Amino acid sequence: MKVLILAGGKGTRLMEETGILPKPMVQIGDKPILWHIMKYYSSFGFNEFVVLLGYKGYQIKEYFANYALHQNDVAIDLGSNRVSTFKNNSEPWKITLLETGQDTMTGSRIKMAAEHIDNQTFMLTYGDGLADVDLHALIETHKHNAKALTVTAVQPESRFGILSMDELGNVASFTEKPADNGSWINGGFFVCEPKILDYIADGADIVFEQQPMRDMAQQGQMHAYRHYGGWKCMDTQRDNLQLNDLWNRQKAFWKVWK
């Protein structure tokens, strides 16, 4: 099953990094967040990726074009202009890097990948989000419910403490940054049937999370897989620092590989 990754946004709330890098290339440890996402999927046996490029997409192309050179030991014969790699540390990934336009919206980017999904069920995620979702359970849920789209629903940690008060202002309880605040949001990590493309209109720049997803929900074609584990997107510099802190302390919830 192929994995589509939306990797074309500008990351305007992370301009400390994205002024010079596309957002998916912002690093956690010594690897781009895009690598971490792909490594997570690969850990479940999914190694075919279609990366939907946009803003500064050439940097993502250059990263993977030179990946073997950077990851492996190399022998260079200057006389014959030959480069050989050994002690292969590269990943078993097949990657299609698809230019979808710098300012294109998410739905239209997905539509442009139609010929690459081979009319098969596929997975879809964002190039800035990490989780420890059980991908096999997610796919089984999708198959069981037989909807066009299954979305992973998550409960993000609140940025602020929650007060419970009576009418007079007396505080009955206080919870600092609760993870379970009763609301569920779109955490990405979708499983999709090819017919989701029918919900994305031709000839217009379409945001996937607006009309297409609303229409699927109204027509009973969308199911939510509730994920109670770790999840975090790199939306701001604060998020970037938190993800790097987790990685450096060996507390990265998404690191399921050895």
Protein backbone atom coordinates (compact mmCIF):
# COMPACT_ATOMS: atom_id res chain seq x y z
CA MET A 1 0.00 0.00 0.00
CA LYS A 2 1.41 3.39 -0.99
CA VAL A 3 1.75 6.33 1.39
CA LEU A 4 1.06 9.86 0.15
CA ILE A 5 2.73 12.62 2.16
CA LEU A 6 1.61 16.24 1.89
CA ALA A 7 4.92 18.10 1.95
CA GLY A 8 4.26 21.34 0.10
CA GLY A 9 3.18 23.88 2.73
CA LYS A 10 5.18 26.99 3.61
CA GLY A 11 5.13 26.56 7.39
CA THR A 12 4.59 30.27 8.01
CA ARG A 13 4.35 29.81 11.79
CA LEU A 14 7.80 28.22 11.82
CA MET A 15 9.63 30.91 9.88
CA GLU A 16 12.71 30.60 12.09
CA GLU A 17 13.37 27.41 10.13
CA THR A 18 11.20 27.54 7.03
CA GLY A 19 12.68 30.78 5.76
CA ILE A 20 15.47 28.61 4.39
CA LEU A 21 13.97 25.10 4.53
CA PRO A 22 10.72 23.46 3.48
CA LYS A 23 8.88 22.50 6.65
CA PRO A 24 9.27 18.71 6.17
CA MET A 25 13.06 19.22 6.13
CA VAL A 26 13.20 20.82 9.60
CA GLN A 27 15.29 18.46 11.67
CA ILE A 28 14.58 16.35 14.73
CA GLY A 29 17.97 15.22 15.91
CA ASP A 30 20.04 14.91 12.75
CA LYS A 31 17.22 13.89 10.39
CA PRO A 32 14.33 15.83 8.79
CA ILE A 33 10.89 15.28 10.27
CA LEU A 34 9.94 13.85 6.86
CA TRP A 35 12.50 11.07 7.39
CA HIS A 36 11.00 10.31 10.83
CA ILE A 37 7.52 10.01 9.29
CA MET A 38 8.73 7.73 6.53
CA LYS A 39 10.77 5.65 8.96
CA TYR A 40 7.64 5.17 11.09
CA TYR A 41 5.59 3.90 8.15
CA SER A 42 8.50 1.73 7.04
CA SER A 43 8.59 0.12 10.49
CA PHE A 44 5.13 -1.28 9.70
CA GLY A 45 6.27 -2.55 6.31
CA PHE A 46 5.11 0.38 4.13
CA ASN A 47 8.01 1.43 1.91
CA GLU A 48 6.41 3.07 -1.15
CA PHE A 49 5.97 6.81 -0.83
CA VAL A 50 4.57 9.58 -3.00
CA VAL A 51 5.77 12.89 -1.60
CA LEU A 52 3.68 15.84 -2.77
CA LEU A 53 6.09 18.75 -3.12
CA GLY A 54 5.53 22.48 -3.16
CA TYR A 55 7.45 25.17 -1.29
CA LYS A 56 11.22 24.63 -1.72
CA GLY A 57 10.52 21.11 -2.92
CA TYR A 58 13.86 20.95 -4.73
CA GLN A 59 15.56 20.63 -1.34
CA ILE A 60 13.61 17.44 -0.63
CA LYS A 61 14.61 16.14 -4.08
CA GLU A 62 18.25 16.91 -3.41
CA TYR A 63 18.12 15.23 0.01
CA PHE A 64 16.88 11.92 -1.37
CA ALA A 65 18.96 12.13 -4.55
CA ASN A 66 22.07 12.25 -2.36
CA TYR A 67 20.74 10.00 0.40
CA ALA A 68 22.94 6.99 -0.39
CA LEU A 69 26.03 9.21 -0.55
CA HIS A 70 25.31 10.69 2.86
CA GLN A 71 24.28 7.47 4.62
CA ASN A 72 26.89 4.99 3.38
CA ASP A 73 30.63 4.59 3.15
CA VAL A 74 31.83 5.42 -0.35
CA ALA A 75 34.78 4.64 -2.58
CA ILE A 76 35.59 7.26 -5.21
CA ASP A 77 37.77 6.51 -8.23
CA LEU A 78 38.66 9.91 -9.64
CA GLY A 79 40.36 8.41 -12.69
CA SER A 80 37.23 6.65 -13.91
CA ASN A 81 34.81 9.06 -12.23
CA ARG A 82 33.10 6.15 -10.45
CA VAL A 83 31.50 6.26 -7.02
CA SER A 84 30.73 3.00 -5.20
CA THR A 85 28.91 2.62 -1.91
CA PHE A 86 29.44 -0.12 0.67
CA LYS A 87 28.21 -0.92 4.19
CA ASN A 88 24.77 -0.03 2.86
CA ASN A 89 22.75 1.89 5.46
CA SER A 90 20.07 3.15 3.09
CA GLU A 91 16.37 2.49 3.57
CA PRO A 92 14.34 0.09 1.36
CA TRP A 93 12.16 2.93 0.14
CA LYS A 94 10.72 3.64 -3.28
CA ILE A 95 10.00 7.35 -3.44
CA THR A 96 8.10 9.36 -6.02
CA LEU A 97 8.74 13.08 -5.61
CA LEU A 98 5.83 14.86 -7.28
CA GLU A 99 5.83 18.59 -8.00
CA THR A 100 2.34 19.91 -7.20
CA GLY A 101 2.92 23.69 -7.17
CA GLN A 102 4.11 26.10 -4.53
CA ASP A 103 0.70 27.52 -3.57
CA THR A 104 -1.57 24.56 -4.33
CA MET A 105 -4.07 23.51 -1.66
CA THR A 106 -4.05 20.05 -0.06
CA GLY A 107 -6.99 18.58 -1.97
CA SER A 108 -5.63 19.60 -5.34
CA ARG A 109 -2.21 18.20 -4.45
CA ILE A 110 -3.83 14.84 -3.68
CA LYS A 111 -5.79 14.95 -6.95
CA MET A 112 -2.53 15.43 -8.87
CA ALA A 113 -1.30 12.11 -7.50
CA ALA A 114 -4.21 10.14 -9.00
CA GLU A 115 -2.09 8.30 -11.57
CA HIS A 116 0.36 7.20 -8.89
CA ILE A 117 -2.08 5.37 -6.60
CA ASP A 118 -2.98 2.73 -9.22
CA ASN A 119 -6.67 2.84 -8.26
CA GLN A 120 -5.78 1.13 -4.97
CA THR A 121 -6.40 1.87 -1.31
CA PHE A 122 -3.68 4.21 -0.06
CA MET A 123 -2.55 5.99 3.06
CA LEU A 124 -2.19 9.73 3.44
CA THR A 125 -0.52 11.90 6.03
CA TYR A 126 1.01 15.33 6.59
CA GLY A 127 4.70 16.11 6.36
CA ASP A 128 4.82 17.69 9.80
CA GLY A 129 3.06 15.27 12.17
CA LEU A 130 4.26 12.33 14.27
CA ALA A 131 2.36 9.72 16.24
CA ASP A 132 2.56 6.16 17.52
CA VAL A 133 -0.62 5.09 15.74
CA ASP A 134 -0.98 1.33 15.25
CA LEU A 135 -1.09 1.44 11.46
CA HIS A 136 -2.18 -2.17 11.13
CA ALA A 137 -5.13 -1.59 13.47
CA LEU A 138 -5.96 1.61 11.57
CA ILE A 139 -6.11 -0.29 8.28
CA GLU A 140 -8.22 -3.08 9.79
CA THR A 141 -10.66 -0.46 11.10
CA HIS A 142 -10.83 1.06 7.63
CA LYS A 143 -11.54 -2.30 6.01
CA HIS A 144 -14.16 -3.22 8.60
CA ASN A 145 -16.13 0.01 8.23
CA ALA A 146 -15.86 0.15 4.43
CA LYS A 147 -15.89 3.94 4.14
CA ALA A 148 -14.17 6.08 1.56
CA LEU A 149 -11.99 7.71 4.21
CA THR A 150 -10.75 6.81 7.67
CA VAL A 151 -9.16 9.63 9.66
CA THR A 152 -7.14 9.24 12.82
CA ALA A 153 -8.78 11.28 15.59
CA VAL A 154 -6.54 12.53 18.40
CA GLN A 155 -6.95 14.54 21.59
CA PRO A 156 -4.18 17.14 21.68
CA GLU A 157 -2.68 18.31 24.94
CA SER A 158 -4.11 21.66 25.98
CA ARG A 159 -1.58 24.47 26.02
CA PHE A 160 -3.17 25.88 29.16
CA GLY A 161 -4.43 24.69 32.53
CA ILE A 162 -8.18 24.01 32.84
CA LEU A 163 -10.22 25.55 35.67
CA SER A 164 -13.54 24.15 36.87
CA MET A 165 -15.52 26.91 38.63
CA ASP A 166 -18.94 27.54 40.09
CA GLU A 167 -21.04 30.67 39.42
CA LEU A 168 -19.32 32.55 42.25
CA GLY A 169 -15.87 31.87 40.88
CA ASN A 170 -14.89 29.23 43.39
CA VAL A 171 -12.48 26.77 41.80
CA ALA A 172 -13.50 23.18 42.26
CA SER A 173 -10.59 21.69 40.34
CA PHE A 174 -7.56 22.61 38.28
CA THR A 175 -5.84 20.40 35.69
CA GLU A 176 -2.57 21.48 34.18
CA LYS A 177 -2.50 20.97 30.39
CA PRO A 178 -4.82 17.97 30.21
CA ALA A 179 -4.45 15.64 27.23
CA ASP A 180 -8.06 14.44 27.47
CA ASN A 181 -10.12 17.61 27.24
CA GLY A 182 -13.10 15.98 25.55
CA SER A 183 -12.43 17.21 22.03
CA TRP A 184 -11.17 15.22 19.07
CA ILE A 185 -9.32 16.69 16.11
CA ASN A 186 -8.02 15.50 12.75
CA GLY A 187 -4.61 14.02 13.45
CA GLY A 188 -3.89 12.99 9.87
CA PHE A 189 -2.81 9.37 9.30
CA PHE A 190 -5.64 8.68 6.85
CA VAL A 191 -6.55 5.53 4.98
CA CYS A 192 -8.25 6.34 1.68
CA GLU A 193 -10.13 4.64 -1.09
CA PRO A 194 -9.50 5.96 -4.61
CA LYS A 195 -13.06 7.33 -4.70
CA ILE A 196 -12.05 10.17 -2.38
CA LEU A 197 -10.68 11.76 -5.56
CA ASP A 198 -14.28 12.10 -6.79
CA TYR A 199 -14.91 14.53 -3.92
CA ILE A 200 -12.12 16.84 -5.08
CA ALA A 201 -13.40 19.04 -7.88
CA ASP A 202 -11.37 19.54 -11.04
CA GLY A 203 -10.35 23.00 -12.17
CA ALA A 204 -10.30 24.57 -8.72
CA ASP A 205 -7.82 24.86 -5.86
CA ILE A 206 -9.40 22.69 -3.19
CA VAL A 207 -8.59 22.34 0.51
CA PHE A 208 -9.07 18.65 1.31
CA GLU A 209 -10.06 19.37 4.92
CA GLN A 210 -12.95 21.61 3.85
CA GLN A 211 -15.58 20.70 1.24
CA PRO A 212 -14.33 17.19 0.37
CA MET A 213 -14.18 16.00 3.98
CA ARG A 214 -17.47 17.74 4.85
CA ASP A 215 -19.18 16.04 1.92
CA MET A 216 -17.81 12.63 2.85
CA ALA A 217 -18.97 13.08 6.44
CA GLN A 218 -22.46 14.19 5.38
CA GLN A 219 -22.77 11.21 3.03
CA GLY A 220 -21.65 8.72 5.67
CA GLN A 221 -18.37 8.01 3.90
CA MET A 222 -15.93 8.96 6.67
CA HIS A 223 -14.95 7.03 9.80
CA ALA A 224 -12.71 8.08 12.70
CA TYR A 225 -10.14 5.81 14.28
CA ARG A 226 -9.59 7.04 17.83
CA HIS A 227 -5.95 7.16 18.82
CA TYR A 228 -5.20 7.53 22.52
CA GLY A 229 -1.41 7.45 22.28
CA GLY A 230 1.23 9.98 21.36
CA TRP A 231 0.71 12.60 18.68
CA LYS A 232 2.31 15.94 17.90
CA CYS A 233 2.70 18.17 14.87
CA MET A 234 5.55 20.58 14.26
CA ASP A 235 3.56 23.74 13.81
CA THR A 236 5.68 26.30 15.66
CA GLN A 237 9.23 26.72 16.94
CA ARG A 238 7.93 25.66 20.36
CA ASP A 239 6.77 22.36 18.84
CA ASN A 240 10.14 21.96 17.14
CA LEU A 241 11.98 22.37 20.44
CA GLN A 242 9.64 19.95 22.22
CA LEU A 243 10.05 17.24 19.56
CA ASN A 244 13.82 17.63 19.64
CA ASP A 245 13.80 17.46 23.42
CA LEU A 246 11.83 14.19 23.31
CA TRP A 247 14.27 12.79 20.76
CA ASN A 248 17.37 13.85 22.68
CA ARG A 249 16.04 12.37 25.92
CA GLN A 250 15.17 9.11 24.13
CA LYS A 251 11.49 9.69 24.89
CA ALA A 252 10.35 9.93 21.27
CA PHE A 253 6.99 8.12 21.26
CA TRP A 254 7.14 7.58 17.48
CA LYS A 255 10.52 5.78 17.55
CA VAL A 256 9.35 2.18 17.26
CA TRP A 257 12.36 1.00 15.25
CA LYS A 258 15.66 -0.23 16.72
